[in-house]
């Protein structure tokens, strides 16, 4: 009998058995050894979290989820900025995006911008996490107004964010 408990991230597949908390393929199912070191960006796995702090002794070298996503070219979020307003405020918007990423990385070093494409009349930003994509869209909406849309793909842990003005 399949049931899902409300208000809880994990559900019940079969009676008495719990499902995995996160279905994100880039997060390890059993965790990593304390002091694991990302050979791609240099962050450390400490207290069950990826942290920017350095640890003297490393237990092993791995790729963090952000570096794995970048290597696979598989973003967790895609943010598109467009509209006639964008051309005259492009630098201001790009600076806000970079500041928001830097602020976000202080708390979560695996939330990163993968790429910023400045195409004719449109800027597309890909991120390693869906939460960062949402924050970038929300930050530009707060500072520049306009119209903001979110489209989630829950089975792939991805969000598409569109801002227009």
N, C-alpha and C. Protein backbone atom coordinates (compact mmCIF):
# COMPACT_ATOMS: atom_id res chain seq x y z
N UNK A 1 0.84 -1.17 0.00
CA UNK A 1 0.00 0.00 0.00
C UNK A 1 0.89 1.24 0.00
N UNK A 2 0.71 2.11 -0.98
CA UNK A 2 1.52 3.33 -1.09
C UNK A 2 0.81 4.49 -0.42
N UNK A 3 1.53 5.18 0.46
CA UNK A 3 0.98 6.36 1.13
C UNK A 3 2.04 7.45 1.13
N UNK A 4 1.61 8.69 1.22
CA UNK A 4 2.52 9.81 1.36
C UNK A 4 2.07 10.60 2.57
N UNK A 5 2.99 10.86 3.47
CA UNK A 5 2.63 11.63 4.66
C UNK A 5 2.66 13.11 4.32
N UNK A 6 1.64 13.83 4.74
CA UNK A 6 1.55 15.26 4.46
C UNK A 6 2.44 16.04 5.41
N UNK A 7 3.03 17.12 4.88
CA UNK A 7 3.86 17.98 5.70
C UNK A 7 5.24 17.41 5.97
N UNK A 8 5.60 16.34 5.31
CA UNK A 8 6.88 15.71 5.53
C UNK A 8 7.53 15.48 4.17
N UNK A 9 8.83 15.68 4.06
CA UNK A 9 9.51 15.51 2.79
C UNK A 9 9.60 14.06 2.37
N UNK A 10 9.63 13.16 3.31
CA UNK A 10 9.75 11.76 2.94
C UNK A 10 8.40 11.08 3.02
N UNK A 11 8.17 10.16 2.15
CA UNK A 11 6.91 9.44 2.13
C UNK A 11 7.13 7.98 2.51
N UNK A 12 6.11 7.20 2.38
CA UNK A 12 6.21 5.78 2.70
C UNK A 12 5.90 5.01 1.42
N UNK A 13 6.86 4.22 0.95
CA UNK A 13 6.64 3.43 -0.26
C UNK A 13 5.84 2.18 0.06
N UNK A 14 6.33 1.43 0.99
CA UNK A 14 5.64 0.24 1.44
C UNK A 14 5.53 0.34 2.95
N UNK A 15 4.62 -0.38 3.47
CA UNK A 15 4.39 -0.30 4.90
C UNK A 15 5.70 -0.51 5.68
N UNK A 16 6.05 0.51 6.48
CA UNK A 16 7.23 0.40 7.32
C UNK A 16 8.53 0.83 6.68
N UNK A 17 8.55 1.10 5.37
CA UNK A 17 9.79 1.50 4.70
C UNK A 17 9.70 2.95 4.27
N UNK A 18 10.74 3.71 4.54
CA UNK A 18 10.78 5.12 4.16
C UNK A 18 11.52 5.28 2.84
N UNK A 19 11.15 6.28 2.09
CA UNK A 19 11.86 6.58 0.85
C UNK A 19 13.05 7.47 1.16
N UNK A 20 13.92 7.63 0.19
CA UNK A 20 15.07 8.49 0.32
C UNK A 20 14.58 9.92 0.42
N UNK A 21 15.18 10.73 1.30
CA UNK A 21 14.75 12.11 1.52
C UNK A 21 14.81 12.94 0.25
N UNK A 22 15.91 12.91 -0.45
CA UNK A 22 16.05 13.70 -1.66
C UNK A 22 16.27 12.77 -2.84
N UNK A 23 15.59 13.06 -3.92
CA UNK A 23 15.74 12.25 -5.12
C UNK A 23 16.75 12.87 -6.07
N UNK A 24 17.44 13.93 -5.66
CA UNK A 24 18.43 14.58 -6.48
C UNK A 24 19.62 13.64 -6.67
N UNK A 25 19.93 13.31 -7.91
CA UNK A 25 20.99 12.34 -8.19
C UNK A 25 22.38 12.89 -7.87
N UNK A 26 22.51 14.19 -7.69
CA UNK A 26 23.81 14.77 -7.39
C UNK A 26 24.13 14.81 -5.90
N UNK A 27 23.16 14.48 -5.07
CA UNK A 27 23.41 14.40 -3.63
C UNK A 27 23.62 12.94 -3.24
N UNK A 28 24.69 12.66 -2.50
CA UNK A 28 24.96 11.26 -2.12
C UNK A 28 23.87 10.73 -1.20
N UNK A 29 23.47 9.49 -1.42
CA UNK A 29 22.39 8.89 -0.63
C UNK A 29 22.80 8.62 0.81
N UNK A 30 24.03 8.28 1.04
CA UNK A 30 24.49 7.92 2.39
C UNK A 30 25.42 8.96 3.00
N UNK A 31 25.62 10.07 2.34
CA UNK A 31 26.55 11.07 2.86
C UNK A 31 27.97 10.75 2.45
N UNK A 32 28.86 11.60 2.85
CA UNK A 32 30.28 11.44 2.53
C UNK A 32 31.08 11.37 3.82
N UNK A 33 32.29 10.88 3.76
CA UNK A 33 33.12 10.89 4.97
C UNK A 33 33.44 12.32 5.40
N UNK A 34 33.52 12.53 6.68
CA UNK A 34 33.87 13.85 7.23
C UNK A 34 35.21 14.30 6.64
N UNK A 35 35.26 15.54 6.17
CA UNK A 35 36.50 16.09 5.63
C UNK A 35 36.72 15.81 4.16
N UNK A 36 35.71 15.30 3.46
CA UNK A 36 35.86 15.09 2.02
C UNK A 36 36.11 16.44 1.35
N UNK A 37 36.96 16.43 0.34
CA UNK A 37 37.41 17.66 -0.30
C UNK A 37 37.03 17.63 -1.77
N UNK A 38 36.43 18.72 -2.29
CA UNK A 38 36.08 18.79 -3.70
C UNK A 38 37.31 19.17 -4.50
N UNK A 39 37.72 18.28 -5.38
CA UNK A 39 38.91 18.55 -6.19
C UNK A 39 38.64 19.57 -7.29
N UNK A 40 37.37 19.90 -7.52
CA UNK A 40 37.03 20.88 -8.54
C UNK A 40 37.09 22.32 -8.04
N UNK A 41 36.55 22.58 -6.86
CA UNK A 41 36.44 23.96 -6.38
C UNK A 41 37.07 24.19 -5.01
N UNK A 42 37.42 23.12 -4.31
CA UNK A 42 38.13 23.28 -3.04
C UNK A 42 37.28 23.38 -1.79
N UNK A 43 35.94 23.21 -1.90
CA UNK A 43 35.13 23.26 -0.69
C UNK A 43 35.22 21.92 0.04
N UNK A 44 34.80 21.91 1.31
CA UNK A 44 34.97 20.74 2.17
C UNK A 44 33.63 20.27 2.71
N UNK A 45 33.46 18.96 2.82
CA UNK A 45 32.27 18.36 3.41
C UNK A 45 32.53 18.22 4.90
N UNK A 46 31.77 18.99 5.71
CA UNK A 46 31.99 19.03 7.15
C UNK A 46 30.64 19.14 7.84
N UNK A 47 30.40 18.32 8.86
CA UNK A 47 29.13 18.29 9.59
C UNK A 47 27.94 18.07 8.66
N UNK A 48 28.10 17.16 7.71
CA UNK A 48 27.04 16.75 6.77
C UNK A 48 26.61 17.87 5.82
N UNK A 49 27.51 18.83 5.59
CA UNK A 49 27.22 19.95 4.67
C UNK A 49 28.49 20.32 3.91
N UNK A 50 28.29 20.84 2.72
CA UNK A 50 29.42 21.40 1.97
C UNK A 50 29.66 22.80 2.51
N UNK A 51 30.91 23.10 2.86
CA UNK A 51 31.25 24.39 3.44
C UNK A 51 32.50 24.95 2.78
N UNK A 52 32.59 26.27 2.74
CA UNK A 52 33.72 26.93 2.11
C UNK A 52 34.97 26.94 2.99
N UNK A 53 34.82 26.57 4.24
CA UNK A 53 35.97 26.58 5.15
C UNK A 53 36.97 25.49 4.77
N UNK A 54 38.22 25.72 5.10
CA UNK A 54 39.25 24.74 4.80
C UNK A 54 39.51 23.88 6.02
N UNK A 55 39.76 22.62 5.78
CA UNK A 55 40.06 21.66 6.84
C UNK A 55 41.48 21.16 6.60
N UNK A 56 42.26 21.01 7.66
CA UNK A 56 43.67 20.63 7.52
C UNK A 56 43.84 19.25 6.89
N UNK A 57 43.03 18.29 7.33
CA UNK A 57 43.16 16.93 6.81
C UNK A 57 41.94 16.57 5.99
N UNK A 58 42.18 16.04 4.81
CA UNK A 58 41.09 15.62 3.93
C UNK A 58 41.00 14.10 3.93
N UNK A 59 39.78 13.59 4.08
CA UNK A 59 39.62 12.14 4.10
C UNK A 59 39.64 11.55 2.69
N UNK A 60 39.11 12.30 1.73
CA UNK A 60 39.12 11.82 0.34
C UNK A 60 38.82 12.99 -0.59
N UNK A 61 39.12 12.80 -1.87
CA UNK A 61 38.83 13.81 -2.87
C UNK A 61 37.66 13.34 -3.72
N UNK A 62 36.67 14.21 -3.88
CA UNK A 62 35.48 13.91 -4.66
C UNK A 62 35.10 15.17 -5.44
N UNK A 63 34.05 15.09 -6.21
CA UNK A 63 33.46 16.27 -6.84
C UNK A 63 32.19 16.61 -6.09
N UNK A 64 32.04 17.88 -5.69
CA UNK A 64 30.82 18.30 -5.01
C UNK A 64 29.67 18.31 -6.01
N UNK A 65 28.42 18.35 -5.54
CA UNK A 65 27.27 18.34 -6.46
C UNK A 65 27.31 19.47 -7.49
N UNK A 66 27.80 20.65 -7.11
CA UNK A 66 27.86 21.77 -8.06
C UNK A 66 28.86 21.48 -9.18
N UNK A 67 30.02 20.98 -8.83
CA UNK A 67 31.04 20.66 -9.85
C UNK A 67 30.57 19.51 -10.74
N UNK A 68 29.84 18.54 -10.17
CA UNK A 68 29.29 17.45 -10.98
C UNK A 68 28.29 17.99 -11.99
N UNK A 69 27.40 18.89 -11.55
CA UNK A 69 26.42 19.49 -12.47
C UNK A 69 27.12 20.27 -13.58
N UNK A 70 28.16 21.03 -13.22
CA UNK A 70 28.89 21.80 -14.23
C UNK A 70 29.57 20.87 -15.24
N UNK A 71 30.15 19.81 -14.74
CA UNK A 71 30.81 18.84 -15.62
C UNK A 71 29.82 18.17 -16.56
N UNK A 72 28.61 17.90 -16.06
CA UNK A 72 27.57 17.25 -16.87
C UNK A 72 26.77 18.24 -17.72
N UNK A 73 27.00 19.53 -17.54
CA UNK A 73 26.20 20.58 -18.23
C UNK A 73 24.72 20.36 -17.98
N UNK A 74 24.38 20.13 -16.70
CA UNK A 74 23.00 19.84 -16.30
C UNK A 74 22.58 20.83 -15.22
N UNK A 75 22.01 21.98 -15.61
CA UNK A 75 21.68 23.00 -14.61
C UNK A 75 20.50 22.60 -13.73
N UNK A 76 20.48 23.16 -12.53
CA UNK A 76 19.36 22.99 -11.62
C UNK A 76 18.34 24.10 -11.80
N UNK A 77 18.75 25.17 -12.48
CA UNK A 77 17.85 26.29 -12.75
C UNK A 77 18.30 27.07 -13.96
N UNK A 78 17.32 27.60 -14.69
CA UNK A 78 17.58 28.45 -15.85
C UNK A 78 16.76 29.72 -15.66
N UNK A 79 17.42 30.86 -15.66
CA UNK A 79 16.75 32.15 -15.48
C UNK A 79 16.93 32.94 -16.77
N UNK A 80 15.81 33.44 -17.32
CA UNK A 80 15.85 34.23 -18.54
C UNK A 80 15.34 35.63 -18.24
N UNK A 81 16.13 36.62 -18.60
CA UNK A 81 15.77 38.02 -18.44
C UNK A 81 15.58 38.59 -19.84
N UNK A 82 14.45 39.24 -20.08
CA UNK A 82 14.19 39.78 -21.41
C UNK A 82 13.29 41.01 -21.34
N UNK A 83 13.12 41.65 -22.49
CA UNK A 83 12.26 42.82 -22.61
C UNK A 83 13.05 44.06 -23.00
N UNK A 84 12.37 45.07 -23.49
CA UNK A 84 13.05 46.30 -23.93
C UNK A 84 13.78 47.03 -22.79
N UNK A 85 13.30 46.91 -21.58
CA UNK A 85 13.92 47.54 -20.41
C UNK A 85 15.32 47.00 -20.16
N UNK A 86 15.56 45.77 -20.51
CA UNK A 86 16.82 45.09 -20.22
C UNK A 86 18.01 45.80 -20.87
N UNK A 87 17.86 46.25 -22.11
CA UNK A 87 18.98 46.85 -22.84
C UNK A 87 19.56 48.06 -22.10
N UNK A 88 18.72 48.91 -21.55
CA UNK A 88 19.22 50.12 -20.90
C UNK A 88 19.64 49.90 -19.44
N UNK A 89 19.33 48.73 -18.87
CA UNK A 89 19.67 48.45 -17.47
C UNK A 89 20.47 47.15 -17.30
N UNK A 90 21.11 46.70 -18.38
CA UNK A 90 21.80 45.41 -18.38
C UNK A 90 22.89 45.31 -17.30
N UNK A 91 23.77 46.32 -17.20
CA UNK A 91 24.86 46.26 -16.23
C UNK A 91 24.34 46.25 -14.79
N UNK A 92 23.33 47.03 -14.53
CA UNK A 92 22.73 47.08 -13.19
C UNK A 92 22.13 45.71 -12.82
N UNK A 93 21.46 45.09 -13.77
CA UNK A 93 20.85 43.77 -13.54
C UNK A 93 21.92 42.71 -13.35
N UNK A 94 22.96 42.72 -14.20
CA UNK A 94 24.05 41.74 -14.07
C UNK A 94 24.78 41.91 -12.74
N UNK A 95 25.01 43.14 -12.30
CA UNK A 95 25.65 43.37 -11.00
C UNK A 95 24.79 42.81 -9.87
N UNK A 96 23.47 43.02 -9.93
CA UNK A 96 22.56 42.47 -8.92
C UNK A 96 22.59 40.95 -8.89
N UNK A 97 22.68 40.34 -10.06
CA UNK A 97 22.75 38.88 -10.15
C UNK A 97 24.03 38.37 -9.49
N UNK A 98 25.15 38.99 -9.80
CA UNK A 98 26.43 38.56 -9.23
C UNK A 98 26.47 38.77 -7.71
N UNK A 99 25.91 39.89 -7.24
CA UNK A 99 25.87 40.14 -5.80
C UNK A 99 25.00 39.12 -5.08
N UNK A 100 23.87 38.76 -5.68
CA UNK A 100 22.98 37.78 -5.07
C UNK A 100 23.64 36.41 -5.00
N UNK A 101 24.39 36.04 -6.05
CA UNK A 101 25.10 34.76 -6.02
C UNK A 101 26.16 34.76 -4.91
N UNK A 102 26.93 35.84 -4.79
CA UNK A 102 27.97 35.92 -3.76
C UNK A 102 27.35 35.83 -2.37
N UNK A 103 26.25 36.51 -2.16
CA UNK A 103 25.55 36.47 -0.87
C UNK A 103 25.03 35.06 -0.58
N UNK A 104 24.49 34.42 -1.58
CA UNK A 104 23.94 33.07 -1.42
C UNK A 104 25.05 32.05 -1.16
N UNK A 105 26.21 32.21 -1.80
CA UNK A 105 27.32 31.26 -1.62
C UNK A 105 27.89 31.27 -0.22
N UNK A 106 27.70 32.37 0.51
CA UNK A 106 28.18 32.42 1.89
C UNK A 106 27.48 31.36 2.73
N UNK A 107 26.19 31.15 2.47
CA UNK A 107 25.42 30.15 3.21
C UNK A 107 25.47 28.78 2.56
N UNK A 108 25.50 28.76 1.23
CA UNK A 108 25.43 27.50 0.51
C UNK A 108 26.42 27.52 -0.66
N UNK A 109 27.64 27.01 -0.45
CA UNK A 109 28.66 27.10 -1.50
C UNK A 109 28.40 26.23 -2.73
N UNK A 110 27.40 25.35 -2.70
CA UNK A 110 27.12 24.57 -3.91
C UNK A 110 26.05 25.22 -4.79
N UNK A 111 25.52 26.36 -4.38
CA UNK A 111 24.60 27.13 -5.22
C UNK A 111 25.41 28.14 -6.02
N UNK A 112 25.62 27.87 -7.30
CA UNK A 112 26.50 28.71 -8.12
C UNK A 112 25.90 29.02 -9.48
N UNK A 113 26.38 30.08 -10.05
CA UNK A 113 26.05 30.38 -11.44
C UNK A 113 26.97 29.55 -12.31
N UNK A 114 26.39 28.80 -13.23
CA UNK A 114 27.18 28.00 -14.15
C UNK A 114 27.64 28.83 -15.34
N UNK A 115 26.71 29.61 -15.89
CA UNK A 115 27.01 30.37 -17.11
C UNK A 115 26.04 31.54 -17.24
N UNK A 116 26.53 32.64 -17.79
CA UNK A 116 25.69 33.78 -18.14
C UNK A 116 25.85 34.01 -19.63
N UNK A 117 24.77 33.84 -20.38
CA UNK A 117 24.79 34.07 -21.82
C UNK A 117 24.08 35.39 -22.10
N UNK A 118 24.78 36.28 -22.74
CA UNK A 118 24.22 37.59 -23.10
C UNK A 118 23.94 37.55 -24.60
N UNK A 119 22.72 37.16 -24.92
CA UNK A 119 22.31 37.08 -26.32
C UNK A 119 21.54 38.34 -26.68
N UNK A 120 21.29 38.54 -27.93
CA UNK A 120 20.61 39.75 -28.39
C UNK A 120 19.24 39.90 -27.73
N UNK A 121 19.10 40.91 -26.87
CA UNK A 121 17.83 41.20 -26.22
C UNK A 121 17.45 40.27 -25.10
N UNK A 122 18.36 39.40 -24.67
CA UNK A 122 18.03 38.42 -23.63
C UNK A 122 19.29 37.98 -22.90
N UNK A 123 19.17 37.78 -21.59
CA UNK A 123 20.25 37.23 -20.78
C UNK A 123 19.73 35.92 -20.19
N UNK A 124 20.51 34.85 -20.35
CA UNK A 124 20.15 33.55 -19.79
C UNK A 124 21.22 33.15 -18.79
N UNK A 125 20.78 32.84 -17.57
CA UNK A 125 21.69 32.44 -16.49
C UNK A 125 21.34 31.01 -16.09
N UNK A 126 22.32 30.11 -16.09
CA UNK A 126 22.10 28.76 -15.60
C UNK A 126 22.77 28.63 -14.24
N UNK A 127 22.11 27.90 -13.34
CA UNK A 127 22.60 27.75 -11.97
C UNK A 127 22.68 26.27 -11.60
N UNK A 128 23.45 25.98 -10.56
CA UNK A 128 23.60 24.61 -10.11
C UNK A 128 22.46 24.16 -9.21
N UNK A 129 21.68 25.11 -8.68
CA UNK A 129 20.56 24.76 -7.81
C UNK A 129 19.32 25.55 -8.18
N UNK A 130 18.17 24.92 -8.00
CA UNK A 130 16.90 25.58 -8.29
C UNK A 130 16.65 26.76 -7.36
N UNK A 131 17.06 26.65 -6.11
CA UNK A 131 16.83 27.74 -5.14
C UNK A 131 17.57 29.02 -5.55
N UNK A 132 18.79 28.88 -6.06
CA UNK A 132 19.54 30.05 -6.49
C UNK A 132 18.85 30.71 -7.69
N UNK A 133 18.35 29.93 -8.62
CA UNK A 133 17.64 30.49 -9.77
C UNK A 133 16.42 31.30 -9.31
N UNK A 134 15.69 30.76 -8.34
CA UNK A 134 14.54 31.48 -7.80
C UNK A 134 14.97 32.79 -7.13
N UNK A 135 16.08 32.75 -6.38
CA UNK A 135 16.57 33.95 -5.70
C UNK A 135 16.99 35.01 -6.71
N UNK A 136 17.65 34.61 -7.79
CA UNK A 136 18.09 35.57 -8.80
C UNK A 136 16.89 36.26 -9.44
N UNK A 137 15.88 35.49 -9.81
CA UNK A 137 14.68 36.06 -10.40
C UNK A 137 13.98 36.99 -9.43
N UNK A 138 13.85 36.57 -8.18
CA UNK A 138 13.18 37.38 -7.16
C UNK A 138 13.93 38.68 -6.89
N UNK A 139 15.27 38.62 -6.87
CA UNK A 139 16.08 39.81 -6.62
C UNK A 139 15.90 40.85 -7.73
N UNK A 140 15.93 40.41 -8.98
CA UNK A 140 15.75 41.35 -10.09
C UNK A 140 14.32 41.90 -10.07
N UNK A 141 13.35 41.05 -9.75
CA UNK A 141 11.96 41.52 -9.67
C UNK A 141 11.80 42.58 -8.59
N UNK A 142 12.42 42.38 -7.43
CA UNK A 142 12.32 43.36 -6.33
C UNK A 142 12.96 44.70 -6.71
N UNK A 143 14.11 44.62 -7.36
CA UNK A 143 14.83 45.86 -7.65
C UNK A 143 14.37 46.55 -8.92
N UNK A 144 13.88 45.80 -9.90
CA UNK A 144 13.55 46.38 -11.21
C UNK A 144 12.07 46.29 -11.57
N UNK A 145 11.27 45.64 -10.73
CA UNK A 145 9.84 45.39 -11.02
C UNK A 145 9.73 44.49 -12.25
N UNK A 146 8.66 44.58 -12.99
CA UNK A 146 8.47 43.73 -14.17
C UNK A 146 7.51 42.59 -13.88
N UNK A 147 7.64 41.52 -14.66
CA UNK A 147 6.80 40.32 -14.53
C UNK A 147 7.72 39.13 -14.31
N UNK A 148 7.37 38.29 -13.33
CA UNK A 148 8.19 37.13 -12.98
C UNK A 148 7.35 35.87 -13.02
N UNK A 149 7.85 34.84 -13.71
CA UNK A 149 7.17 33.54 -13.79
C UNK A 149 8.13 32.43 -13.39
N UNK A 150 7.59 31.42 -12.68
CA UNK A 150 8.35 30.22 -12.30
C UNK A 150 7.69 29.02 -12.95
N UNK A 151 8.51 28.09 -13.40
CA UNK A 151 7.99 26.82 -13.91
C UNK A 151 8.89 25.70 -13.36
N UNK A 152 8.32 24.87 -12.49
CA UNK A 152 9.09 23.81 -11.85
C UNK A 152 8.94 22.49 -12.58
N UNK A 153 10.02 21.73 -12.60
CA UNK A 153 10.01 20.37 -13.08
C UNK A 153 10.42 19.51 -11.90
N UNK A 154 9.44 19.07 -11.12
CA UNK A 154 9.73 18.38 -9.86
C UNK A 154 10.48 17.06 -10.04
N UNK A 155 10.20 16.36 -11.12
CA UNK A 155 10.87 15.07 -11.30
C UNK A 155 12.35 15.23 -11.64
N UNK A 156 12.74 16.39 -12.15
CA UNK A 156 14.14 16.62 -12.50
C UNK A 156 14.82 17.61 -11.56
N UNK A 157 14.13 18.10 -10.54
CA UNK A 157 14.67 19.09 -9.60
C UNK A 157 15.24 20.28 -10.34
N UNK A 158 14.41 20.87 -11.17
CA UNK A 158 14.82 22.01 -11.97
C UNK A 158 13.73 23.06 -12.01
N UNK A 159 14.13 24.32 -12.12
CA UNK A 159 13.17 25.41 -12.24
C UNK A 159 13.59 26.30 -13.41
N UNK A 160 12.60 26.78 -14.12
CA UNK A 160 12.81 27.79 -15.16
C UNK A 160 12.15 29.07 -14.65
N UNK A 161 12.92 30.14 -14.64
CA UNK A 161 12.44 31.43 -14.15
C UNK A 161 12.53 32.41 -15.31
N UNK A 162 11.44 33.15 -15.54
CA UNK A 162 11.42 34.14 -16.60
C UNK A 162 11.04 35.50 -16.02
N UNK A 163 11.90 36.49 -16.30
CA UNK A 163 11.62 37.87 -15.89
C UNK A 163 11.54 38.72 -17.15
N UNK A 164 10.53 39.58 -17.22
CA UNK A 164 10.36 40.45 -18.39
C UNK A 164 10.00 41.86 -17.93
N UNK A 165 10.47 42.83 -18.69
CA UNK A 165 10.01 44.21 -18.49
C UNK A 165 10.41 45.01 -19.71
